Amino acid sequence: MNIGAPLGPYAQTGSLFERSFTNGIVAVNPTSTAATITFGGTYVNRDGTSITSETLAPDSGHVFLLG
């Protein structure tokens, strides 16, 4: 995946840690409960599905590309 260059440092949003890149977002859920990330637009998850939000399982992380 070509996620591009970072646009800044990571930030905590609720229980998630997120970092924006020129071509997407990386989100990490370090907690023991599921957490939902809501995007301000359409992104593509690792399955190739266009989404506007996604629930991350506990202790997981995902890369989302701009849709």
C-alpha atoms as a PDB file:
ATOM      1  CA  MET A   1       0.000   0.000   0.000  1.00  0.00           C
ATOM      2  CA  ASN A   2       1.278   3.441  -0.869  1.00  0.00           C
ATOM      3  CA  ILE A   3      -0.017   5.460   2.070  1.00  0.00           C
ATOM      4  CA  GLY A   4       2.206   8.427   1.212  1.00  0.00           C
ATOM      5  CA  ALA A   5       3.975  10.870   3.490  1.00  0.00           C
ATOM      6  CA  PRO A   6       2.818  11.719   7.028  1.00  0.00           C
ATOM      7  CA  LEU A   7       0.874  14.957   7.358  1.00  0.00           C
ATOM      8  CA  GLY A   8       1.731  15.391  11.031  1.00  0.00           C
ATOM      9  CA  PRO A   9       2.170  13.458  14.263  1.00  0.00           C
ATOM     10  CA  TYR A  10      -0.316  10.895  15.501  1.00  0.00           C
ATOM     11  CA  ALA A  11      -3.242  12.063  17.610  1.00  0.00           C
ATOM     12  CA  GLN A  12      -5.557  10.358  20.056  1.00  0.00           C
ATOM     13  CA  THR A  13      -9.257  10.487  19.208  1.00  0.00           C
ATOM     14  CA  GLY A  14     -11.248   8.827  21.970  1.00  0.00           C
ATOM     15  CA  SER A  15      -9.540   5.491  22.551  1.00  0.00           C
ATOM     16  CA  LEU A  16      -8.032   5.367  19.035  1.00  0.00           C
ATOM     17  CA  PHE A  17      -4.672   6.648  17.870  1.00  0.00           C
ATOM     18  CA  GLU A  18      -4.734   8.024  14.320  1.00  0.00           C
ATOM     19  CA  ARG A  19      -2.169   9.420  11.908  1.00  0.00           C
ATOM     20  CA  SER A  20      -3.017  11.036   8.587  1.00  0.00           C
ATOM     21  CA  PHE A  21      -0.938  10.523   5.465  1.00  0.00           C
ATOM     22  CA  THR A  22      -1.211  12.011   1.973  1.00  0.00           C
ATOM     23  CA  ASN A  23      -3.018   8.890   0.705  1.00  0.00           C
ATOM     24  CA  GLY A  24      -4.813   7.652   3.812  1.00  0.00           C
ATOM     25  CA  ILE A  25      -5.056   7.156   7.555  1.00  0.00           C
ATOM     26  CA  VAL A  26      -3.587   4.641   9.985  1.00  0.00           C
ATOM     27  CA  ALA A  27      -5.665   3.868  13.080  1.00  0.00           C
ATOM     28  CA  VAL A  28      -4.698   1.783  16.121  1.00  0.00           C
ATOM     29  CA  ASN A  29      -6.968   0.552  18.890  1.00  0.00           C
ATOM     30  CA  PRO A  30      -4.738  -0.407  21.855  1.00  0.00           C
ATOM     31  CA  THR A  31      -7.674  -1.042  24.201  1.00  0.00           C
ATOM     32  CA  SER A  32      -9.512  -4.198  25.225  1.00  0.00           C
ATOM     33  CA  THR A  33     -12.807  -3.052  23.673  1.00  0.00           C
ATOM     34  CA  ALA A  34     -13.868  -2.373  20.075  1.00  0.00           C
ATOM     35  CA  ALA A  35     -13.728   1.242  18.881  1.00  0.00           C
ATOM     36  CA  THR A  36     -15.168   2.955  15.801  1.00  0.00           C
ATOM     37  CA  ILE A  37     -13.381   5.458  13.579  1.00  0.00           C
ATOM     38  CA  THR A  38     -15.565   7.804  11.527  1.00  0.00           C
ATOM     39  CA  PHE A  39     -13.964   9.470   8.519  1.00  0.00           C
ATOM     40  CA  GLY A  40     -14.768  12.865   7.055  1.00  0.00           C
ATOM     41  CA  GLY A  41     -15.016  11.255   3.629  1.00  0.00           C
ATOM     42  CA  THR A  42     -14.775   7.923   1.838  1.00  0.00           C
ATOM     43  CA  TYR A  43     -11.835   5.589   2.425  1.00  0.00           C
ATOM     44  CA  VAL A  44     -11.040   2.056   1.275  1.00  0.00           C
ATOM     45  CA  ASN A  45     -10.360  -0.655   3.841  1.00  0.00           C
ATOM     46  CA  ARG A  46      -7.996  -3.604   3.425  1.00  0.00           C
ATOM     47  CA  ASP A  47     -10.765  -5.646   1.782  1.00  0.00           C
ATOM     48  CA  GLY A  48     -11.146  -3.012  -0.951  1.00  0.00           C
ATOM     49  CA  THR A  49     -14.539  -1.857   0.337  1.00  0.00           C
ATOM     50  CA  SER A  50     -15.413   1.846   0.294  1.00  0.00           C
ATOM     51  CA  ILE A  51     -16.349   2.976   3.800  1.00  0.00           C
ATOM     52  CA  THR A  52     -17.078   6.099   5.822  1.00  0.00           C
ATOM     53  CA  SER A  53     -16.467   4.430   9.210  1.00  0.00           C
ATOM     54  CA  GLU A  54     -15.062   1.169  10.551  1.00  0.00           C
ATOM     55  CA  THR A  55     -15.013  -0.615  13.903  1.00  0.00           C
ATOM     56  CA  LEU A  56     -11.569  -1.774  14.997  1.00  0.00           C
ATOM     57  CA  ALA A  57     -11.303  -4.890  17.138  1.00  0.00           C
ATOM     58  CA  PRO A  58      -9.459  -4.677  20.452  1.00  0.00           C
ATOM     59  CA  ASP A  59      -5.650  -4.544  20.172  1.00  0.00           C
ATOM     60  CA  SER A  60      -5.687  -4.000  16.394  1.00  0.00           C
ATOM     61  CA  GLY A  61      -4.649  -1.500  13.788  1.00  0.00           C
ATOM     62  CA  HIS A  62      -5.662  -0.796  10.198  1.00  0.00           C
ATOM     63  CA  VAL A  63      -4.570   1.198   7.166  1.00  0.00           C
ATOM     64  CA  PHE A  64      -7.263   3.034   5.220  1.00  0.00           C
ATOM     65  CA  LEU A  65      -6.602   4.525   1.786  1.00  0.00           C
ATOM     66  CA  LEU A  66      -8.374   7.553   0.355  1.00  0.00           C
ATOM     67  CA  GLY A  67     -11.322   6.420  -1.740  1.00  0.00           C
END
